[in-house]
Amino acid sequence: MRRGKKRRFGVSIPEDTACRLRELAETLGVDRSTLVTEAVDAYLHEKSHASQPHVCEGVLVVFHPPRVTASIAGVFEDYTDIVVARSHIHSGSTCIEIAYVKGSTETILRLEKDLRRAGAEACKYVASPHTYYDQASLFG
């Protein structure tokens, strides 16, 4: 999976994190370097994704209490130009919205902010990898 040369460097992490890392690596049957590399790659993709304006698509998962369902629905209604599909699920005392969105990074970030302001307890956007790495086809 790795591309190119590898570089060794030291990183200090809390003892409990190191233990969880070792345990997960053992459970998954991989070495710690592989696990850390995959985690860092995922983190960099997620965080650097928004740093370069572009059109993208992905899944937005939103957790919120039932009392703010109308507010959350209202926010989604304000973004019908980028919300391709949406589903509402109940799990115990939590509502979960799953939306497939396609639009500019700026608009998707604004949607996330508005959902948090409306009472969402957590929002997680997962960009489709091909939209970030294959930008030429999106603008062509």
N, C-alpha and C. Protein backbone atom coordinates (compact mmCIF):
# COMPACT_ATOMS: atom_id res chain seq x y z
N MET A 1 0.81 -1.19 0.00
CA MET A 1 0.00 0.00 0.00
C MET A 1 0.86 1.26 0.00
N ARG A 2 2.01 1.26 0.68
CA ARG A 2 2.84 2.44 0.78
C ARG A 2 3.50 2.76 -0.54
N ARG A 3 3.60 4.05 -0.79
CA ARG A 3 4.23 4.55 -1.98
C ARG A 3 5.58 5.13 -1.59
N GLY A 4 6.62 4.88 -2.37
CA GLY A 4 7.90 5.53 -2.16
C GLY A 4 8.65 5.05 -0.92
N LYS A 5 9.69 5.83 -0.59
CA LYS A 5 10.56 5.50 0.54
C LYS A 5 9.85 5.77 1.87
N LYS A 6 10.37 5.12 2.90
CA LYS A 6 9.86 5.35 4.24
C LYS A 6 10.85 6.22 5.01
N ARG A 7 10.34 6.99 5.95
CA ARG A 7 11.18 7.82 6.80
C ARG A 7 10.85 7.49 8.25
N ARG A 8 11.89 7.31 9.03
CA ARG A 8 11.73 7.01 10.45
C ARG A 8 11.87 8.31 11.24
N PHE A 9 10.95 8.54 12.18
CA PHE A 9 11.07 9.68 13.08
C PHE A 9 10.36 9.37 14.38
N GLY A 10 10.74 10.06 15.43
CA GLY A 10 10.18 9.80 16.75
C GLY A 10 8.97 10.66 17.04
N VAL A 11 8.00 10.06 17.69
CA VAL A 11 6.79 10.77 18.10
C VAL A 11 6.49 10.34 19.53
N SER A 12 6.19 11.30 20.38
CA SER A 12 5.82 10.99 21.76
C SER A 12 4.30 11.01 21.87
N ILE A 13 3.76 9.92 22.40
CA ILE A 13 2.31 9.83 22.60
C ILE A 13 2.05 9.36 24.03
N PRO A 14 0.88 9.65 24.58
CA PRO A 14 0.57 9.20 25.94
C PRO A 14 0.62 7.67 26.04
N GLU A 15 0.99 7.19 27.22
CA GLU A 15 1.13 5.75 27.45
C GLU A 15 -0.14 4.98 27.10
N ASP A 16 -1.31 5.49 27.50
CA ASP A 16 -2.55 4.77 27.22
C ASP A 16 -2.82 4.70 25.71
N THR A 17 -2.45 5.74 24.97
CA THR A 17 -2.61 5.72 23.52
C THR A 17 -1.69 4.68 22.90
N ALA A 18 -0.46 4.60 23.40
CA ALA A 18 0.49 3.60 22.91
C ALA A 18 -0.03 2.18 23.16
N CYS A 19 -0.63 1.97 24.32
CA CYS A 19 -1.18 0.64 24.63
C CYS A 19 -2.34 0.29 23.71
N ARG A 20 -3.23 1.26 23.49
CA ARG A 20 -4.36 1.02 22.59
C ARG A 20 -3.88 0.78 21.16
N LEU A 21 -2.84 1.49 20.75
CA LEU A 21 -2.26 1.30 19.42
C LEU A 21 -1.72 -0.11 19.27
N ARG A 22 -0.95 -0.56 20.26
CA ARG A 22 -0.39 -1.91 20.22
C ARG A 22 -1.50 -2.96 20.18
N GLU A 23 -2.52 -2.78 21.04
CA GLU A 23 -3.62 -3.75 21.09
C GLU A 23 -4.38 -3.81 19.77
N LEU A 24 -4.64 -2.65 19.18
CA LEU A 24 -5.37 -2.63 17.90
C LEU A 24 -4.53 -3.25 16.79
N ALA A 25 -3.25 -2.95 16.78
CA ALA A 25 -2.35 -3.53 15.76
C ALA A 25 -2.36 -5.05 15.87
N GLU A 26 -2.30 -5.56 17.10
CA GLU A 26 -2.35 -7.02 17.31
C GLU A 26 -3.68 -7.59 16.84
N THR A 27 -4.77 -6.92 17.19
CA THR A 27 -6.10 -7.39 16.81
C THR A 27 -6.25 -7.44 15.29
N LEU A 28 -5.73 -6.42 14.60
CA LEU A 28 -5.85 -6.35 13.15
C LEU A 28 -4.78 -7.15 12.41
N GLY A 29 -3.77 -7.61 13.15
CA GLY A 29 -2.71 -8.39 12.53
C GLY A 29 -1.77 -7.57 11.67
N VAL A 30 -1.54 -6.33 12.06
CA VAL A 30 -0.60 -5.46 11.34
C VAL A 30 0.40 -4.91 12.34
N ASP A 31 1.50 -4.36 11.83
CA ASP A 31 2.45 -3.75 12.74
C ASP A 31 2.02 -2.32 13.05
N ARG A 32 2.61 -1.74 14.09
CA ARG A 32 2.23 -0.40 14.51
C ARG A 32 2.50 0.64 13.43
N SER A 33 3.60 0.48 12.70
CA SER A 33 3.92 1.45 11.64
C SER A 33 2.83 1.50 10.58
N THR A 34 2.33 0.33 10.20
CA THR A 34 1.26 0.28 9.21
C THR A 34 0.01 0.96 9.74
N LEU A 35 -0.34 0.67 10.98
CA LEU A 35 -1.53 1.26 11.58
C LEU A 35 -1.40 2.78 11.70
N VAL A 36 -0.24 3.26 12.14
CA VAL A 36 -0.02 4.70 12.26
C VAL A 36 -0.04 5.36 10.89
N THR A 37 0.57 4.74 9.90
CA THR A 37 0.59 5.29 8.55
C THR A 37 -0.83 5.44 8.01
N GLU A 38 -1.66 4.40 8.18
CA GLU A 38 -3.04 4.47 7.71
C GLU A 38 -3.81 5.56 8.45
N ALA A 39 -3.59 5.67 9.75
CA ALA A 39 -4.30 6.69 10.54
C ALA A 39 -3.88 8.10 10.13
N VAL A 40 -2.58 8.30 9.94
CA VAL A 40 -2.09 9.62 9.55
C VAL A 40 -2.58 9.97 8.14
N ASP A 41 -2.55 9.00 7.22
CA ASP A 41 -3.06 9.25 5.87
C ASP A 41 -4.53 9.67 5.91
N ALA A 42 -5.33 8.97 6.71
CA ALA A 42 -6.76 9.30 6.82
C ALA A 42 -6.94 10.69 7.43
N TYR A 43 -6.18 11.00 8.46
CA TYR A 43 -6.27 12.30 9.11
C TYR A 43 -5.87 13.42 8.16
N LEU A 44 -4.75 13.22 7.45
CA LEU A 44 -4.29 14.24 6.50
C LEU A 44 -5.31 14.45 5.39
N HIS A 45 -5.91 13.37 4.90
CA HIS A 45 -6.92 13.49 3.86
C HIS A 45 -8.11 14.31 4.38
N GLU A 46 -8.56 13.97 5.58
CA GLU A 46 -9.71 14.65 6.15
C GLU A 46 -9.43 16.13 6.39
N LYS A 47 -8.28 16.44 6.97
CA LYS A 47 -7.98 17.82 7.34
C LYS A 47 -7.52 18.66 6.16
N SER A 48 -6.72 18.10 5.27
CA SER A 48 -6.23 18.89 4.13
C SER A 48 -7.30 19.02 3.05
N HIS A 49 -8.28 18.15 3.10
CA HIS A 49 -9.37 18.17 2.14
C HIS A 49 -10.01 19.56 2.06
N ALA A 50 -10.28 20.14 3.20
CA ALA A 50 -10.98 21.43 3.24
C ALA A 50 -10.05 22.62 2.98
N SER A 51 -8.74 22.39 2.99
CA SER A 51 -7.81 23.52 2.85
C SER A 51 -7.67 23.99 1.41
N GLN A 52 -8.11 23.19 0.46
CA GLN A 52 -8.01 23.56 -0.94
C GLN A 52 -9.41 23.59 -1.53
N PRO A 53 -9.94 24.77 -1.80
CA PRO A 53 -11.30 24.86 -2.34
C PRO A 53 -11.47 24.05 -3.63
N HIS A 54 -12.52 23.27 -3.68
CA HIS A 54 -12.83 22.46 -4.85
C HIS A 54 -14.25 21.92 -4.71
N VAL A 55 -14.74 21.34 -5.76
CA VAL A 55 -16.03 20.66 -5.71
C VAL A 55 -15.77 19.24 -5.25
N CYS A 56 -16.56 18.77 -4.30
CA CYS A 56 -16.37 17.41 -3.83
C CYS A 56 -17.72 16.80 -3.47
N GLU A 57 -17.68 15.54 -3.14
CA GLU A 57 -18.89 14.85 -2.71
C GLU A 57 -18.51 13.85 -1.64
N GLY A 58 -19.47 13.54 -0.79
CA GLY A 58 -19.21 12.60 0.28
C GLY A 58 -20.43 12.44 1.16
N VAL A 59 -20.22 11.79 2.29
CA VAL A 59 -21.29 11.49 3.23
C VAL A 59 -21.13 12.34 4.48
N LEU A 60 -22.21 12.95 4.91
CA LEU A 60 -22.24 13.73 6.13
C LEU A 60 -23.14 13.00 7.13
N VAL A 61 -22.58 12.66 8.28
CA VAL A 61 -23.34 11.98 9.33
C VAL A 61 -23.51 12.96 10.48
N VAL A 62 -24.75 13.12 10.92
CA VAL A 62 -25.08 14.10 11.95
C VAL A 62 -25.85 13.40 13.08
N PHE A 63 -25.39 13.60 14.32
CA PHE A 63 -26.07 13.07 15.50
C PHE A 63 -26.70 14.25 16.24
N HIS A 64 -27.97 14.10 16.62
CA HIS A 64 -28.63 15.18 17.34
C HIS A 64 -29.76 14.64 18.20
N PRO A 65 -30.15 15.39 19.25
CA PRO A 65 -31.28 14.98 20.07
C PRO A 65 -32.59 15.23 19.34
N PRO A 66 -33.61 14.44 19.61
CA PRO A 66 -34.90 14.60 18.93
C PRO A 66 -35.50 16.00 19.03
N ARG A 67 -35.25 16.71 20.12
CA ARG A 67 -35.84 18.03 20.32
C ARG A 67 -35.41 19.06 19.28
N VAL A 68 -34.30 18.80 18.54
CA VAL A 68 -33.85 19.77 17.53
C VAL A 68 -34.07 19.26 16.11
N THR A 69 -34.87 18.21 15.96
CA THR A 69 -35.10 17.62 14.63
C THR A 69 -35.63 18.63 13.63
N ALA A 70 -36.58 19.46 14.04
CA ALA A 70 -37.14 20.45 13.12
C ALA A 70 -36.08 21.47 12.70
N SER A 71 -35.23 21.89 13.62
CA SER A 71 -34.16 22.84 13.29
C SER A 71 -33.15 22.22 12.33
N ILE A 72 -32.79 20.97 12.57
CA ILE A 72 -31.84 20.27 11.70
C ILE A 72 -32.45 20.11 10.31
N ALA A 73 -33.72 19.72 10.25
CA ALA A 73 -34.39 19.57 8.95
C ALA A 73 -34.42 20.89 8.21
N GLY A 74 -34.65 21.98 8.93
CA GLY A 74 -34.66 23.31 8.32
C GLY A 74 -33.32 23.67 7.71
N VAL A 75 -32.25 23.32 8.39
CA VAL A 75 -30.91 23.59 7.84
C VAL A 75 -30.72 22.80 6.55
N PHE A 76 -31.06 21.52 6.58
CA PHE A 76 -30.92 20.71 5.36
C PHE A 76 -31.75 21.30 4.22
N GLU A 77 -32.93 21.82 4.53
CA GLU A 77 -33.77 22.43 3.50
C GLU A 77 -33.09 23.65 2.85
N ASP A 78 -32.28 24.35 3.65
CA ASP A 78 -31.55 25.51 3.12
C ASP A 78 -30.42 25.11 2.17
N TYR A 79 -30.07 23.82 2.15
CA TYR A 79 -28.95 23.35 1.34
C TYR A 79 -29.38 22.30 0.31
N THR A 80 -30.60 22.40 -0.19
CA THR A 80 -31.08 21.40 -1.16
C THR A 80 -30.26 21.40 -2.44
N ASP A 81 -29.53 22.47 -2.70
CA ASP A 81 -28.71 22.52 -3.91
C ASP A 81 -27.50 21.58 -3.82
N ILE A 82 -27.09 21.18 -2.60
CA ILE A 82 -25.95 20.26 -2.48
C ILE A 82 -26.31 18.92 -1.86
N VAL A 83 -27.49 18.81 -1.24
CA VAL A 83 -27.89 17.55 -0.61
C VAL A 83 -28.53 16.67 -1.68
N VAL A 84 -27.82 15.59 -2.03
CA VAL A 84 -28.29 14.68 -3.07
C VAL A 84 -29.34 13.72 -2.51
N ALA A 85 -29.09 13.21 -1.31
CA ALA A 85 -30.02 12.28 -0.67
C ALA A 85 -29.82 12.38 0.84
N ARG A 86 -30.88 12.04 1.59
CA ARG A 86 -30.81 12.16 3.05
C ARG A 86 -31.70 11.12 3.70
N SER A 87 -31.23 10.60 4.83
CA SER A 87 -32.02 9.62 5.57
C SER A 87 -31.99 10.00 7.06
N HIS A 88 -33.11 9.80 7.74
CA HIS A 88 -33.23 10.09 9.17
C HIS A 88 -33.48 8.78 9.90
N ILE A 89 -32.69 8.52 10.91
CA ILE A 89 -32.76 7.25 11.65
C ILE A 89 -32.88 7.55 13.15
N HIS A 90 -33.66 6.75 13.86
CA HIS A 90 -33.76 6.87 15.32
C HIS A 90 -32.99 5.72 15.95
N SER A 91 -32.16 6.06 16.94
CA SER A 91 -31.43 5.05 17.69
C SER A 91 -31.51 5.42 19.16
N GLY A 92 -32.43 4.78 19.85
CA GLY A 92 -32.64 5.14 21.25
C GLY A 92 -33.08 6.58 21.37
N SER A 93 -32.34 7.36 22.15
CA SER A 93 -32.69 8.77 22.35
C SER A 93 -31.89 9.70 21.44
N THR A 94 -31.34 9.16 20.38
CA THR A 94 -30.54 9.95 19.44
C THR A 94 -31.11 9.84 18.03
N CYS A 95 -31.10 10.95 17.33
CA CYS A 95 -31.46 10.94 15.91
C CYS A 95 -30.17 11.00 15.11
N ILE A 96 -30.17 10.31 13.99
CA ILE A 96 -29.00 10.29 13.11
C ILE A 96 -29.48 10.67 11.72
N GLU A 97 -28.83 11.66 11.14
CA GLU A 97 -29.09 12.07 9.76
C GLU A 97 -27.89 11.62 8.94
N ILE A 98 -28.15 10.98 7.82
CA ILE A 98 -27.08 10.60 6.90
C ILE A 98 -27.42 11.26 5.57
N ALA A 99 -26.51 12.11 5.12
CA ALA A 99 -26.76 12.86 3.88
C ALA A 99 -25.60 12.66 2.92
N TYR A 100 -25.95 12.45 1.65
CA TYR A 100 -24.93 12.44 0.60
C TYR A 100 -24.95 13.82 -0.02
N VAL A 101 -23.81 14.50 0.02
CA VAL A 101 -23.73 15.87 -0.46
C VAL A 101 -22.71 16.01 -1.57
N LYS A 102 -22.95 16.98 -2.45
CA LYS A 102 -22.02 17.26 -3.53
C LYS A 102 -22.04 18.77 -3.77
N GLY A 103 -20.88 19.40 -3.57
CA GLY A 103 -20.79 20.84 -3.74
C GLY A 103 -19.40 21.34 -3.40
N SER A 104 -19.27 22.65 -3.27
CA SER A 104 -17.97 23.22 -2.96
C SER A 104 -17.62 22.94 -1.50
N THR A 105 -16.31 22.87 -1.23
CA THR A 105 -15.89 22.64 0.15
C THR A 105 -16.41 23.74 1.06
N GLU A 106 -16.44 24.97 0.57
CA GLU A 106 -16.91 26.08 1.37
C GLU A 106 -18.37 25.88 1.79
N THR A 107 -19.20 25.43 0.85
CA THR A 107 -20.62 25.23 1.14
C THR A 107 -20.82 24.06 2.10
N ILE A 108 -20.06 23.00 1.93
CA ILE A 108 -20.18 21.84 2.83
C ILE A 108 -19.75 22.23 4.24
N LEU A 109 -18.66 23.00 4.37
CA LEU A 109 -18.23 23.46 5.69
C LEU A 109 -19.28 24.36 6.33
N ARG A 110 -19.91 25.21 5.53
CA ARG A 110 -20.97 26.09 6.03
C ARG A 110 -22.17 25.26 6.51
N LEU A 111 -22.52 24.21 5.76
CA LEU A 111 -23.59 23.31 6.17
C LEU A 111 -23.28 22.69 7.53
N GLU A 112 -22.05 22.19 7.71
CA GLU A 112 -21.66 21.61 9.00
C GLU A 112 -21.80 22.62 10.14
N LYS A 113 -21.32 23.84 9.93
CA LYS A 113 -21.43 24.88 10.96
C LYS A 113 -22.88 25.17 11.30
N ASP A 114 -23.71 25.29 10.28
CA ASP A 114 -25.13 25.59 10.51
C ASP A 114 -25.82 24.44 11.26
N LEU A 115 -25.45 23.21 10.96
CA LEU A 115 -26.03 22.07 11.66
C LEU A 115 -25.63 22.08 13.14
N ARG A 116 -24.39 22.43 13.42
CA ARG A 116 -23.94 22.52 14.82
C ARG A 116 -24.70 23.63 15.55
N ARG A 117 -24.86 24.76 14.87
CA ARG A 117 -25.61 25.87 15.48
C ARG A 117 -27.06 25.48 15.75
N ALA A 118 -27.61 24.59 14.93
CA ALA A 118 -29.01 24.16 15.09
C ALA A 118 -29.16 23.10 16.17
N GLY A 119 -28.06 22.63 16.74
CA GLY A 119 -28.16 21.69 17.85
C GLY A 119 -27.56 20.32 17.62
N ALA A 120 -26.87 20.13 16.49
CA ALA A 120 -26.23 18.83 16.25
C ALA A 120 -25.14 18.62 17.30
N GLU A 121 -25.09 17.44 17.85
CA GLU A 121 -24.07 17.11 18.85
C GLU A 121 -22.76 16.70 18.20
N ALA A 122 -22.84 16.14 17.00
CA ALA A 122 -21.64 15.73 16.27
C ALA A 122 -21.95 15.70 14.78
N CYS A 123 -20.98 16.14 14.00
CA CYS A 123 -21.06 16.07 12.54
C CYS A 123 -19.75 15.48 12.04
N LYS A 124 -19.85 14.57 11.11
CA LYS A 124 -18.65 13.96 10.54
C LYS A 124 -18.84 13.88 9.03
N TYR A 125 -17.96 14.56 8.29
CA TYR A 125 -18.00 14.52 6.84
C TYR A 125 -16.90 13.59 6.36
N VAL A 126 -17.26 12.66 5.50
CA VAL A 126 -16.29 11.75 4.90
C VAL A 126 -16.32 12.00 3.40
N ALA A 127 -15.24 12.60 2.92
CA ALA A 127 -15.15 12.91 1.49
C ALA A 127 -14.89 11.65 0.69
N SER A 128 -15.50 11.57 -0.45
CA SER A 128 -15.23 10.48 -1.37
C SER A 128 -13.80 10.67 -1.88
N PRO A 129 -12.94 9.68 -1.75
CA PRO A 129 -11.53 9.87 -2.13
C PRO A 129 -11.34 10.30 -3.59
N HIS A 130 -12.14 9.81 -4.50
CA HIS A 130 -11.90 10.15 -5.91
C HIS A 130 -12.18 11.62 -6.21
N THR A 131 -13.04 12.26 -5.45
CA THR A 131 -13.33 13.67 -5.74
C THR A 131 -12.20 14.57 -5.31
N TYR A 132 -11.44 14.18 -4.29
CA TYR A 132 -10.34 15.01 -3.84
C TYR A 132 -9.11 14.79 -4.70
N TYR A 133 -8.85 13.56 -5.06
CA TYR A 133 -7.64 13.26 -5.79
C TYR A 133 -7.80 13.40 -7.31
N ASP A 134 -9.02 13.47 -7.80
CA ASP A 134 -9.24 13.55 -9.25
C ASP A 134 -10.00 14.85 -9.57
N GLN A 135 -9.43 15.98 -9.15
CA GLN A 135 -10.11 17.25 -9.31
C GLN A 135 -10.24 17.68 -10.77
N ALA A 136 -9.31 17.28 -11.62
CA ALA A 136 -9.36 17.71 -13.02
C ALA A 136 -10.66 17.29 -13.68
N SER A 137 -11.14 16.09 -13.36
CA SER A 137 -12.38 15.63 -13.99
C SER A 137 -13.59 16.39 -13.48
N LEU A 138 -13.49 16.98 -12.30
CA LEU A 138 -14.63 17.72 -11.75
C LEU A 138 -14.79 19.10 -12.37
N PHE A 139 -13.67 19.69 -12.75
CA PHE A 139 -13.72 21.06 -13.28
C PHE A 139 -13.68 21.09 -14.79
N GLY A 140 -13.46 19.94 -15.42
CA GLY A 140 -13.31 19.89 -16.88
C GLY A 140 -14.60 19.78 -17.63
